């Protein structure tokens, strides 16, 4: 990513990593640090992305009313929630993503 300082490049990358990797039940320090300031709510991320043949929407919320929703739009419609959604997302990423490159 490229852009001026203080426009949210790092925040965007961190939010994406949390949504793709962390269970909604996690209370890790990086999740607690993402809690909105001056707002009594937990971190909440919704991302629409494409990877390999998949187009999907993942939505996660942590700390306050944790939840995970996964909607696979292509190649075949699927919808699920909770740990099942997280596990399906991880399976899709394992199938389509070079995870070492992603973490680099």
PDB file of N, CA and C in Angstrom:
ATOM      1  N   UNK A   1       0.840  -1.176   0.000  1.00  0.00           N
ATOM      2  CA  UNK A   1       0.000   0.000   0.000  1.00  0.00           C
ATOM      3  C   UNK A   1       0.884   1.237   0.000  1.00  0.00           C
ATOM      4  N   UNK A   2       0.368   2.266  -0.603  1.00  0.00           N
ATOM      5  CA  UNK A   2       1.113   3.497  -0.700  1.00  0.00           C
ATOM      6  C   UNK A   2       0.153   4.658  -0.477  1.00  0.00           C
ATOM      7  N   UNK A   3       0.608   5.686   0.217  1.00  0.00           N
ATOM      8  CA  UNK A   3      -0.209   6.870   0.451  1.00  0.00           C
ATOM      9  C   UNK A   3       0.427   7.746   1.500  1.00  0.00           C
ATOM     10  N   UNK A   4      -0.140   8.937   1.727  1.00  0.00           N
ATOM     11  CA  UNK A   4       0.404   9.859   2.723  1.00  0.00           C
ATOM     12  C   UNK A   4       0.353   9.256   4.130  1.00  0.00           C
ATOM     13  N   UNK A   5       1.154   9.808   5.019  1.00  0.00           N
ATOM     14  CA  UNK A   5       1.155   9.378   6.417  1.00  0.00           C
ATOM     15  C   UNK A   5      -0.196   9.680   7.066  1.00  0.00           C
ATOM     16  N   UNK A   6      -0.561   8.823   8.035  1.00  0.00           N
ATOM     17  CA  UNK A   6      -1.745   9.023   8.875  1.00  0.00           C
ATOM     18  C   UNK A   6      -3.075   8.960   8.129  1.00  0.00           C
ATOM     19  N   UNK A   7      -3.151   8.176   7.043  1.00  0.00           N
ATOM     20  CA  UNK A   7      -4.429   8.021   6.346  1.00  0.00           C
ATOM     21  C   UNK A   7      -5.062   6.655   6.612  1.00  0.00           C
ATOM     22  N   UNK A   8      -4.362   5.777   7.350  1.00  0.00           N
ATOM     23  CA  UNK A   8      -4.945   4.506   7.741  1.00  0.00           C
ATOM     24  C   UNK A   8      -4.407   3.279   7.040  1.00  0.00           C
ATOM     25  N   UNK A   9      -3.265   3.389   6.356  1.00  0.00           N
ATOM     26  CA  UNK A   9      -2.716   2.217   5.649  1.00  0.00           C
ATOM     27  C   UNK A   9      -2.433   1.074   6.618  1.00  0.00           C
ATOM     28  N   UNK A  10      -1.786   1.368   7.718  1.00  0.00           N
ATOM     29  CA  UNK A  10      -1.460   0.341   8.703  1.00  0.00           C
ATOM     30  C   UNK A  10      -2.724  -0.189   9.355  1.00  0.00           C
ATOM     31  N   UNK A  11      -3.666   0.675   9.667  1.00  0.00           N
ATOM     32  CA  UNK A  11      -4.921   0.237  10.280  1.00  0.00           C
ATOM     33  C   UNK A  11      -5.681  -0.706   9.363  1.00  0.00           C
ATOM     34  N   UNK A  12      -5.679  -0.424   8.080  1.00  0.00           N
ATOM     35  CA  UNK A  12      -6.351  -1.284   7.115  1.00  0.00           C
ATOM     36  C   UNK A  12      -5.693  -2.665   7.074  1.00  0.00           C
ATOM     37  N   UNK A  13      -4.383  -2.700   7.014  1.00  0.00           N
ATOM     38  CA  UNK A  13      -3.658  -3.979   6.982  1.00  0.00           C
ATOM     39  C   UNK A  13      -3.895  -4.765   8.270  1.00  0.00           C
ATOM     40  N   UNK A  14      -3.888  -4.092   9.416  1.00  0.00           N
ATOM     41  CA  UNK A  14      -4.120  -4.764  10.694  1.00  0.00           C
ATOM     42  C   UNK A  14      -5.545  -5.301  10.783  1.00  0.00           C
ATOM     43  N   UNK A  15      -6.518  -4.526  10.344  1.00  0.00           N
ATOM     44  CA  UNK A  15      -7.918  -4.964  10.376  1.00  0.00           C
ATOM     45  C   UNK A  15      -8.112  -6.194   9.491  1.00  0.00           C
ATOM     46  N   UNK A  16      -7.511  -6.190   8.330  1.00  0.00           N
ATOM     47  CA  UNK A  16      -7.610  -7.332   7.419  1.00  0.00           C
ATOM     48  C   UNK A  16      -6.988  -8.576   8.047  1.00  0.00           C
ATOM     49  N   UNK A  17      -5.825  -8.427   8.652  1.00  0.00           N
ATOM     50  CA  UNK A  17      -5.163  -9.565   9.307  1.00  0.00           C
ATOM     51  C   UNK A  17      -6.028 -10.114  10.437  1.00  0.00           C
ATOM     52  N   UNK A  18      -6.623  -9.248  11.251  1.00  0.00           N
ATOM     53  CA  UNK A  18      -7.490  -9.714  12.335  1.00  0.00           C
ATOM     54  C   UNK A  18      -8.684 -10.487  11.775  1.00  0.00           C
ATOM     55  N   UNK A  19      -9.324  -9.942  10.751  1.00  0.00           N
ATOM     56  CA  UNK A  19     -10.510 -10.580  10.179  1.00  0.00           C
ATOM     57  C   UNK A  19     -10.183 -11.953   9.589  1.00  0.00           C
ATOM     58  N   UNK A  20      -9.033 -12.085   8.971  1.00  0.00           N
ATOM     59  CA  UNK A  20      -8.679 -13.330   8.307  1.00  0.00           C
ATOM     60  C   UNK A  20      -8.090 -14.379   9.242  1.00  0.00           C
ATOM     61  N   UNK A  21      -7.547 -13.946  10.373  1.00  0.00           N
ATOM     62  CA  UNK A  21      -6.768 -14.881  11.187  1.00  0.00           C
ATOM     63  C   UNK A  21      -7.300 -15.139  12.593  1.00  0.00           C
ATOM     64  N   UNK A  22      -7.997 -14.200  13.197  1.00  0.00           N
ATOM     65  CA  UNK A  22      -8.342 -14.336  14.617  1.00  0.00           C
ATOM     66  C   UNK A  22      -9.792 -14.751  14.833  1.00  0.00           C
ATOM     67  N   UNK A  23      -9.981 -15.699  15.738  1.00  0.00           N
ATOM     68  CA  UNK A  23     -11.325 -16.091  16.145  1.00  0.00           C
ATOM     69  C   UNK A  23     -12.020 -14.908  16.818  1.00  0.00           C
ATOM     70  N   UNK A  24     -13.333 -14.847  16.694  1.00  0.00           N
ATOM     71  CA  UNK A  24     -14.066 -13.752  17.335  1.00  0.00           C
ATOM     72  C   UNK A  24     -14.017 -13.832  18.860  1.00  0.00           C
ATOM     73  N   UNK A  25     -13.640 -14.977  19.398  1.00  0.00           N
ATOM     74  CA  UNK A  25     -13.530 -15.153  20.849  1.00  0.00           C
ATOM     75  C   UNK A  25     -12.173 -14.693  21.400  1.00  0.00           C
ATOM     76  N   UNK A  26     -11.261 -14.323  20.524  1.00  0.00           N
ATOM     77  CA  UNK A  26      -9.922 -13.935  20.954  1.00  0.00           C
ATOM     78  C   UNK A  26      -9.949 -12.631  21.749  1.00  0.00           C
ATOM     79  N   UNK A  27      -9.095 -12.553  22.754  1.00  0.00           N
ATOM     80  CA  UNK A  27      -8.930 -11.314  23.523  1.00  0.00           C
ATOM     81  C   UNK A  27      -7.465 -10.870  23.496  1.00  0.00           C
ATOM     82  N   UNK A  28      -6.765 -11.234  22.437  1.00  0.00           N
ATOM     83  CA  UNK A  28      -5.352 -10.879  22.289  1.00  0.00           C
ATOM     84  C   UNK A  28      -5.157  -9.366  22.438  1.00  0.00           C
ATOM     85  N   UNK A  29      -3.947  -8.981  22.768  1.00  0.00           N
ATOM     86  CA  UNK A  29      -3.654  -7.563  22.973  1.00  0.00           C
ATOM     87  C   UNK A  29      -3.865  -6.741  21.706  1.00  0.00           C
ATOM     88  N   UNK A  30      -3.579  -7.308  20.514  1.00  0.00           N
ATOM     89  CA  UNK A  30      -3.782  -6.542  19.283  1.00  0.00           C
ATOM     90  C   UNK A  30      -5.273  -6.305  19.017  1.00  0.00           C
ATOM     91  N   UNK A  31      -6.119  -7.203  19.474  1.00  0.00           N
ATOM     92  CA  UNK A  31      -7.563  -6.994  19.334  1.00  0.00           C
ATOM     93  C   UNK A  31      -8.030  -5.943  20.341  1.00  0.00           C
ATOM     94  N   UNK A  32      -7.562  -6.035  21.579  1.00  0.00           N
ATOM     95  CA  UNK A  32      -7.935  -5.015  22.576  1.00  0.00           C
ATOM     96  C   UNK A  32      -7.453  -3.638  22.142  1.00  0.00           C
ATOM     97  N   UNK A  33      -6.290  -3.580  21.496  1.00  0.00           N
ATOM     98  CA  UNK A  33      -5.758  -2.295  21.031  1.00  0.00           C
ATOM     99  C   UNK A  33      -6.582  -1.715  19.887  1.00  0.00           C
ATOM    100  N   UNK A  34      -7.316  -2.563  19.173  1.00  0.00           N
ATOM    101  CA  UNK A  34      -8.133  -2.088  18.044  1.00  0.00           C
ATOM    102  C   UNK A  34      -9.507  -1.602  18.489  1.00  0.00           C
ATOM    103  N   UNK A  35      -9.806  -1.682  19.786  1.00  0.00           N
ATOM    104  CA  UNK A  35     -11.105  -1.228  20.301  1.00  0.00           C
ATOM    105  C   UNK A  35     -11.265   0.262  20.013  1.00  0.00           C
ATOM    106  N   UNK A  36     -12.435   0.651  19.498  1.00  0.00           N
ATOM    107  CA  UNK A  36     -12.655   2.071  19.199  1.00  0.00           C
ATOM    108  C   UNK A  36     -12.498   2.954  20.442  1.00  0.00           C
ATOM    109  N   UNK A  37     -11.871   4.088  20.270  1.00  0.00           N
ATOM    110  CA  UNK A  37     -11.682   5.048  21.355  1.00  0.00           C
ATOM    111  C   UNK A  37     -12.982   5.820  21.541  1.00  0.00           C
ATOM    112  N   UNK A  38     -13.331   6.107  22.783  1.00  0.00           N
ATOM    113  CA  UNK A  38     -14.537   6.889  23.115  1.00  0.00           C
ATOM    114  C   UNK A  38     -15.810   6.233  22.601  1.00  0.00           C
ATOM    115  N   UNK A  39     -15.806   4.912  22.521  1.00  0.00           N
ATOM    116  CA  UNK A  39     -16.971   4.191  22.017  1.00  0.00           C
ATOM    117  C   UNK A  39     -17.057   2.877  22.769  1.00  0.00           C
ATOM    118  N   UNK A  40     -18.186   2.568  23.354  1.00  0.00           N
ATOM    119  CA  UNK A  40     -18.334   1.328  24.105  1.00  0.00           C
ATOM    120  C   UNK A  40     -18.718   0.190  23.167  1.00  0.00           C
ATOM    121  N   UNK A  41     -17.777  -0.180  22.307  1.00  0.00           N
ATOM    122  CA  UNK A  41     -17.998  -1.241  21.327  1.00  0.00           C
ATOM    123  C   UNK A  41     -16.696  -1.980  21.101  1.00  0.00           C
ATOM    124  N   UNK A  42     -16.806  -3.224  20.679  1.00  0.00           N
ATOM    125  CA  UNK A  42     -15.615  -3.989  20.333  1.00  0.00           C
ATOM    126  C   UNK A  42     -15.206  -3.708  18.902  1.00  0.00           C
ATOM    127  N   UNK A  43     -13.991  -4.090  18.539  1.00  0.00           N
ATOM    128  CA  UNK A  43     -13.545  -3.952  17.152  1.00  0.00           C
ATOM    129  C   UNK A  43     -14.489  -4.711  16.222  1.00  0.00           C
ATOM    130  N   UNK A  44     -14.737  -4.158  15.062  1.00  0.00           N
ATOM    131  CA  UNK A  44     -15.671  -4.736  14.096  1.00  0.00           C
ATOM    132  C   UNK A  44     -15.092  -4.508  12.702  1.00  0.00           C
ATOM    133  N   UNK A  45     -14.970  -5.589  11.928  1.00  0.00           N
ATOM    134  CA  UNK A  45     -14.392  -5.516  10.589  1.00  0.00           C
ATOM    135  C   UNK A  45     -15.316  -6.249   9.617  1.00  0.00           C
ATOM    136  N   UNK A  46     -15.555  -5.642   8.471  1.00  0.00           N
ATOM    137  CA  UNK A  46     -16.267  -6.308   7.382  1.00  0.00           C
ATOM    138  C   UNK A  46     -15.454  -6.101   6.113  1.00  0.00           C
ATOM    139  N   UNK A  47     -15.159  -7.201   5.423  1.00  0.00           N
ATOM    140  CA  UNK A  47     -14.298  -7.159   4.247  1.00  0.00           C
ATOM    141  C   UNK A  47     -14.927  -7.984   3.130  1.00  0.00           C
ATOM    142  N   UNK A  48     -14.953  -7.416   1.945  1.00  0.00           N
ATOM    143  CA  UNK A  48     -15.312  -8.191   0.759  1.00  0.00           C
ATOM    144  C   UNK A  48     -14.029  -8.402  -0.021  1.00  0.00           C
ATOM    145  N   UNK A  49     -13.744  -9.648  -0.385  1.00  0.00           N
ATOM    146  CA  UNK A  49     -12.491  -9.926  -1.082  1.00  0.00           C
ATOM    147  C   UNK A  49     -12.643 -11.073  -2.052  1.00  0.00           C
ATOM    148  N   UNK A  50     -11.676 -11.153  -2.937  1.00  0.00           N
ATOM    149  CA  UNK A  50     -11.575 -12.257  -3.889  1.00  0.00           C
ATOM    150  C   UNK A  50     -10.245 -12.943  -3.683  1.00  0.00           C
ATOM    151  N   UNK A  51     -10.266 -14.268  -3.724  1.00  0.00           N
ATOM    152  CA  UNK A  51      -9.051 -15.061  -3.631  1.00  0.00           C
ATOM    153  C   UNK A  51      -9.280 -16.331  -4.432  1.00  0.00           C
ATOM    154  N   UNK A  52      -8.414 -16.581  -5.413  1.00  0.00           N
ATOM    155  CA  UNK A  52      -8.631 -17.711  -6.310  1.00  0.00           C
ATOM    156  C   UNK A  52     -10.004 -17.575  -6.959  1.00  0.00           C
ATOM    157  N   UNK A  53     -10.788 -18.647  -7.009  1.00  0.00           N
ATOM    158  CA  UNK A  53     -12.109 -18.571  -7.635  1.00  0.00           C
ATOM    159  C   UNK A  53     -13.188 -18.017  -6.696  1.00  0.00           C
ATOM    160  N   UNK A  54     -12.810 -17.673  -5.459  1.00  0.00           N
ATOM    161  CA  UNK A  54     -13.784 -17.271  -4.450  1.00  0.00           C
ATOM    162  C   UNK A  54     -13.953 -15.751  -4.384  1.00  0.00           C
ATOM    163  N   UNK A  55     -15.199 -15.349  -4.221  1.00  0.00           N
ATOM    164  CA  UNK A  55     -15.524 -13.974  -3.850  1.00  0.00           C
ATOM    165  C   UNK A  55     -16.372 -14.114  -2.600  1.00  0.00           C
ATOM    166  N   UNK A  56     -15.990 -13.411  -1.545  1.00  0.00           N
ATOM    167  CA  UNK A  56     -16.650 -13.615  -0.262  1.00  0.00           C
ATOM    168  C   UNK A  56     -16.695 -12.342   0.564  1.00  0.00           C
ATOM    169  N   UNK A  57     -17.545 -12.384   1.582  1.00  0.00           N
ATOM    170  CA  UNK A  57     -17.643 -11.303   2.564  1.00  0.00           C
ATOM    171  C   UNK A  57     -17.467 -11.952   3.926  1.00  0.00           C
ATOM    172  N   UNK A  58     -16.501 -11.430   4.690  1.00  0.00           N
ATOM    173  CA  UNK A  58     -16.288 -11.889   6.058  1.00  0.00           C
ATOM    174  C   UNK A  58     -16.550 -10.712   6.984  1.00  0.00           C
ATOM    175  N   UNK A  59     -17.305 -10.956   8.022  1.00  0.00           N
ATOM    176  CA  UNK A  59     -17.595  -9.927   9.017  1.00  0.00           C
ATOM    177  C   UNK A  59     -17.312 -10.523  10.386  1.00  0.00           C
ATOM    178  N   UNK A  60     -16.531  -9.782  11.186  1.00  0.00           N
ATOM    179  CA  UNK A  60     -16.194 -10.245  12.534  1.00  0.00           C
ATOM    180  C   UNK A  60     -16.288  -9.085  13.512  1.00  0.00           C
ATOM    181  N   UNK A  61     -16.679  -9.446  14.736  1.00  0.00           N
ATOM    182  CA  UNK A  61     -16.690  -8.492  15.845  1.00  0.00           C
ATOM    183  C   UNK A  61     -16.098  -9.216  17.051  1.00  0.00           C
ATOM    184  N   UNK A  62     -15.273  -8.509  17.801  1.00  0.00           N
ATOM    185  CA  UNK A  62     -14.597  -9.064  18.969  1.00  0.00           C
ATOM    186  C   UNK A  62     -14.995  -8.297  20.232  1.00  0.00           C
ATOM    187  N   UNK A  63     -14.764  -8.929  21.373  1.00  0.00           N
ATOM    188  CA  UNK A  63     -14.898  -8.370  22.716  1.00  0.00           C
ATOM    189  C   UNK A  63     -16.351  -8.137  23.126  1.00  0.00           C
ATOM    190  N   UNK A  64     -17.059  -7.233  22.508  1.00  0.00           N
ATOM    191  CA  UNK A  64     -18.460  -6.954  22.829  1.00  0.00           C
ATOM    192  C   UNK A  64     -19.333  -7.667  21.813  1.00  0.00           C
ATOM    193  N   UNK A  65     -20.150  -8.607  22.253  1.00  0.00           N
ATOM    194  CA  UNK A  65     -21.024  -9.383  21.356  1.00  0.00           C
ATOM    195  C   UNK A  65     -20.245  -9.994  20.190  1.00  0.00           C
ATOM    196  N   UNK A  66     -19.255 -10.840  20.475  1.00  0.00           N
ATOM    197  CA  UNK A  66     -18.444 -11.435  19.407  1.00  0.00           C
ATOM    198  C   UNK A  66     -19.300 -12.176  18.381  1.00  0.00           C
ATOM    199  N   UNK A  67     -18.905 -12.084  17.127  1.00  0.00           N
ATOM    200  CA  UNK A  67     -19.613 -12.796  16.065  1.00  0.00           C
ATOM    201  C   UNK A  67     -18.730 -12.896  14.837  1.00  0.00           C
ATOM    202  N   UNK A  68     -19.015 -13.943  14.046  1.00  0.00           N
ATOM    203  CA  UNK A  68     -18.377 -14.143  12.746  1.00  0.00           C
ATOM    204  C   UNK A  68     -19.460 -14.538  11.753  1.00  0.00           C
ATOM    205  N   UNK A  69     -19.470 -13.873  10.605  1.00  0.00           N
ATOM    206  CA  UNK A  69     -20.379 -14.217   9.507  1.00  0.00           C
ATOM    207  C   UNK A  69     -19.528 -14.354   8.252  1.00  0.00           C
ATOM    208  N   UNK A  70     -19.747 -15.414   7.509  1.00  0.00           N
ATOM    209  CA  UNK A  70     -19.082 -15.614   6.227  1.00  0.00           C
ATOM    210  C   UNK A  70     -20.148 -15.836   5.170  1.00  0.00           C
ATOM    211  N   UNK A  71     -20.038 -15.069   4.100  1.00  0.00           N
ATOM    212  CA  UNK A  71     -20.916 -15.269   2.949  1.00  0.00           C
ATOM    213  C   UNK A  71     -20.027 -15.459   1.735  1.00  0.00           C
ATOM    214  N   UNK A  72     -20.038 -16.665   1.174  1.00  0.00           N
ATOM    215  CA  UNK A  72     -19.307 -16.951  -0.060  1.00  0.00           C
ATOM    216  C   UNK A  72     -20.269 -16.643  -1.205  1.00  0.00           C
ATOM    217  N   UNK A  73     -19.867 -15.737  -2.087  1.00  0.00           N
ATOM    218  CA  UNK A  73     -20.719 -15.321  -3.198  1.00  0.00           C
ATOM    219  C   UNK A  73     -20.446 -16.129  -4.459  1.00  0.00           C
ATOM    220  N   UNK A  74     -19.189 -16.489  -4.671  1.00  0.00           N
ATOM    221  CA  UNK A  74     -18.766 -17.270  -5.836  1.00  0.00           C
ATOM    222  C   UNK A  74     -17.674 -18.225  -5.394  1.00  0.00           C
ATOM    223  N   UNK A  75     -17.493 -19.353  -5.985  1.00  0.00           N
ATOM    224  CA  UNK A  75     -18.147 -19.890  -7.167  1.00  0.00           C
ATOM    225  C   UNK A  75     -19.503 -20.522  -6.857  1.00  0.00           C
ATOM    226  N   UNK A  76     -19.766 -20.815  -5.564  1.00  0.00           N
ATOM    227  CA  UNK A  76     -21.027 -21.419  -5.152  1.00  0.00           C
ATOM    228  C   UNK A  76     -21.450 -20.729  -3.863  1.00  0.00           C
ATOM    229  N   UNK A  77     -22.691 -20.288  -3.797  1.00  0.00           N
ATOM    230  CA  UNK A  77     -23.174 -19.561  -2.621  1.00  0.00           C
ATOM    231  C   UNK A  77     -23.119 -20.433  -1.368  1.00  0.00           C
ATOM    232  N   UNK A  78     -22.576 -19.836  -0.298  1.00  0.00           N
ATOM    233  CA  UNK A  78     -22.520 -20.473   1.023  1.00  0.00           C
ATOM    234  C   UNK A  78     -22.698 -19.372   2.046  1.00  0.00           C
ATOM    235  N   UNK A  79     -23.258 -19.707   3.189  1.00  0.00           N
ATOM    236  CA  UNK A  79     -23.352 -18.759   4.298  1.00  0.00           C
ATOM    237  C   UNK A  79     -23.237 -19.539   5.594  1.00  0.00           C
ATOM    238  N   UNK A  80     -22.461 -19.010   6.526  1.00  0.00           N
ATOM    239  CA  UNK A  80     -22.302 -19.660   7.813  1.00  0.00           C
ATOM    240  C   UNK A  80     -21.874 -18.649   8.862  1.00  0.00           C
ATOM    241  N   UNK A  81     -21.945 -19.069  10.115  1.00  0.00           N
ATOM    242  CA  UNK A  81     -21.601 -18.195  11.231  1.00  0.00           C
ATOM    243  C   UNK A  81     -20.698 -18.924  12.210  1.00  0.00           C
ATOM    244  N   UNK A  82     -20.170 -18.166  13.157  1.00  0.00           N
ATOM    245  CA  UNK A  82     -19.400 -18.730  14.258  1.00  0.00           C
ATOM    246  C   UNK A  82     -18.113 -19.412  13.826  1.00  0.00           C
ATOM    247  N   UNK A  83     -17.714 -20.395  14.613  1.00  0.00           N
ATOM    248  CA  UNK A  83     -16.467 -21.114  14.348  1.00  0.00           C
ATOM    249  C   UNK A  83     -16.493 -21.806  12.998  1.00  0.00           C
ATOM    250  N   UNK A  84     -17.656 -22.310  12.583  1.00  0.00           N
ATOM    251  CA  UNK A  84     -17.773 -22.944  11.271  1.00  0.00           C
ATOM    252  C   UNK A  84     -17.375 -21.947  10.170  1.00  0.00           C
ATOM    253  N   UNK A  85     -17.806 -20.698  10.294  1.00  0.00           N
ATOM    254  CA  UNK A  85     -17.453 -19.663   9.309  1.00  0.00           C
ATOM    255  C   UNK A  85     -15.956 -19.404   9.327  1.00  0.00           C
ATOM    256  N   UNK A  86     -15.374 -19.308  10.517  1.00  0.00           N
ATOM    257  CA  UNK A  86     -13.928 -19.065  10.629  1.00  0.00           C
ATOM    258  C   UNK A  86     -13.144 -20.216  10.001  1.00  0.00           C
ATOM    259  N   UNK A  87     -13.539 -21.447  10.303  1.00  0.00           N
ATOM    260  CA  UNK A  87     -12.836 -22.617   9.762  1.00  0.00           C
ATOM    261  C   UNK A  87     -12.967 -22.688   8.246  1.00  0.00           C
ATOM    262  N   UNK A  88     -14.138 -22.354   7.705  1.00  0.00           N
ATOM    263  CA  UNK A  88     -14.319 -22.362   6.247  1.00  0.00           C
ATOM    264  C   UNK A  88     -13.445 -21.296   5.604  1.00  0.00           C
ATOM    265  N   UNK A  89     -13.400 -20.107   6.212  1.00  0.00           N
ATOM    266  CA  UNK A  89     -12.534 -19.044   5.707  1.00  0.00           C
ATOM    267  C   UNK A  89     -11.081 -19.499   5.701  1.00  0.00           C
ATOM    268  N   UNK A  90     -10.623 -20.105   6.790  1.00  0.00           N
ATOM    269  CA  UNK A  90      -9.237 -20.577   6.869  1.00  0.00           C
ATOM    270  C   UNK A  90      -8.976 -21.633   5.783  1.00  0.00           C
ATOM    271  N   UNK A  91      -9.943 -22.513   5.515  1.00  0.00           N
ATOM    272  CA  UNK A  91      -9.780 -23.541   4.479  1.00  0.00           C
ATOM    273  C   UNK A  91      -9.664 -22.891   3.097  1.00  0.00           C
ATOM    274  N   UNK A  92     -10.491 -21.891   2.825  1.00  0.00           N
ATOM    275  CA  UNK A  92     -10.419 -21.183   1.545  1.00  0.00           C
ATOM    276  C   UNK A  92      -9.061 -20.509   1.398  1.00  0.00           C
ATOM    277  N   UNK A  93      -8.599 -19.853   2.437  1.00  0.00           N
ATOM    278  CA  UNK A  93      -7.300 -19.168   2.370  1.00  0.00           C
ATOM    279  C   UNK A  93      -6.165 -20.169   2.202  1.00  0.00           C
ATOM    280  N   UNK A  94      -6.246 -21.300   2.887  1.00  0.00           N
ATOM    281  CA  UNK A  94      -5.211 -22.329   2.756  1.00  0.00           C
ATOM    282  C   UNK A  94      -5.145 -22.843   1.313  1.00  0.00           C
ATOM    283  N   UNK A  95      -6.303 -22.940   0.688  1.00  0.00           N
ATOM    284  CA  UNK A  95      -6.392 -23.431  -0.689  1.00  0.00           C
ATOM    285  C   UNK A  95      -5.889 -22.403  -1.709  1.00  0.00           C
ATOM    286  N   UNK A  96      -6.068 -21.120  -1.442  1.00  0.00           N
ATOM    287  CA  UNK A  96      -5.870 -20.104  -2.480  1.00  0.00           C
ATOM    288  C   UNK A  96      -4.770 -19.091  -2.210  1.00  0.00           C
ATOM    289  N   UNK A  97      -4.210 -19.075  -1.024  1.00  0.00           N
ATOM    290  CA  UNK A  97      -3.301 -18.003  -0.627  1.00  0.00           C
ATOM    291  C   UNK A  97      -1.935 -18.544  -0.249  1.00  0.00           C
ATOM    292  N   UNK A  98      -0.886 -17.895  -0.703  1.00  0.00           N
ATOM    293  CA  UNK A  98       0.463 -18.199  -0.240  1.00  0.00           C
ATOM    294  C   UNK A  98       0.616 -17.480   1.100  1.00  0.00           C
ATOM    295  N   UNK A  99       0.368 -18.206   2.185  1.00  0.00           N
ATOM    296  CA  UNK A  99       0.313 -17.575   3.501  1.00  0.00           C
ATOM    297  C   UNK A  99       1.674 -17.036   3.950  1.00  0.00           C
ATOM    298  N   UNK A 100       2.769 -17.658   3.541  1.00  0.00           N
ATOM    299  CA  UNK A 100       4.096 -17.109   3.878  1.00  0.00           C
ATOM    300  C   UNK A 100       4.284 -15.750   3.220  1.00  0.00           C
ATOM    301  N   UNK A 101       3.876 -15.632   1.976  1.00  0.00           N
ATOM    302  CA  UNK A 101       3.969 -14.348   1.282  1.00  0.00           C
ATOM    303  C   UNK A 101       3.061 -13.315   1.931  1.00  0.00           C
ATOM    304  N   UNK A 102       1.838 -13.712   2.296  1.00  0.00           N
ATOM    305  CA  UNK A 102       0.901 -12.798   2.955  1.00  0.00           C
ATOM    306  C   UNK A 102       1.510 -12.251   4.248  1.00  0.00           C
ATOM    307  N   UNK A 103       2.150 -13.112   5.031  1.00  0.00           N
ATOM    308  CA  UNK A 103       2.727 -12.672   6.310  1.00  0.00           C
ATOM    309  C   UNK A 103       3.992 -11.844   6.132  1.00  0.00           C
ATOM    310  N   UNK A 104       4.622 -11.964   4.983  1.00  0.00           N
ATOM    311  CA  UNK A 104       5.838 -11.162   4.733  1.00  0.00           C
ATOM    312  C   UNK A 104       5.422  -9.728   4.513  1.00  0.00           C
TER     313      UNK A 104
END
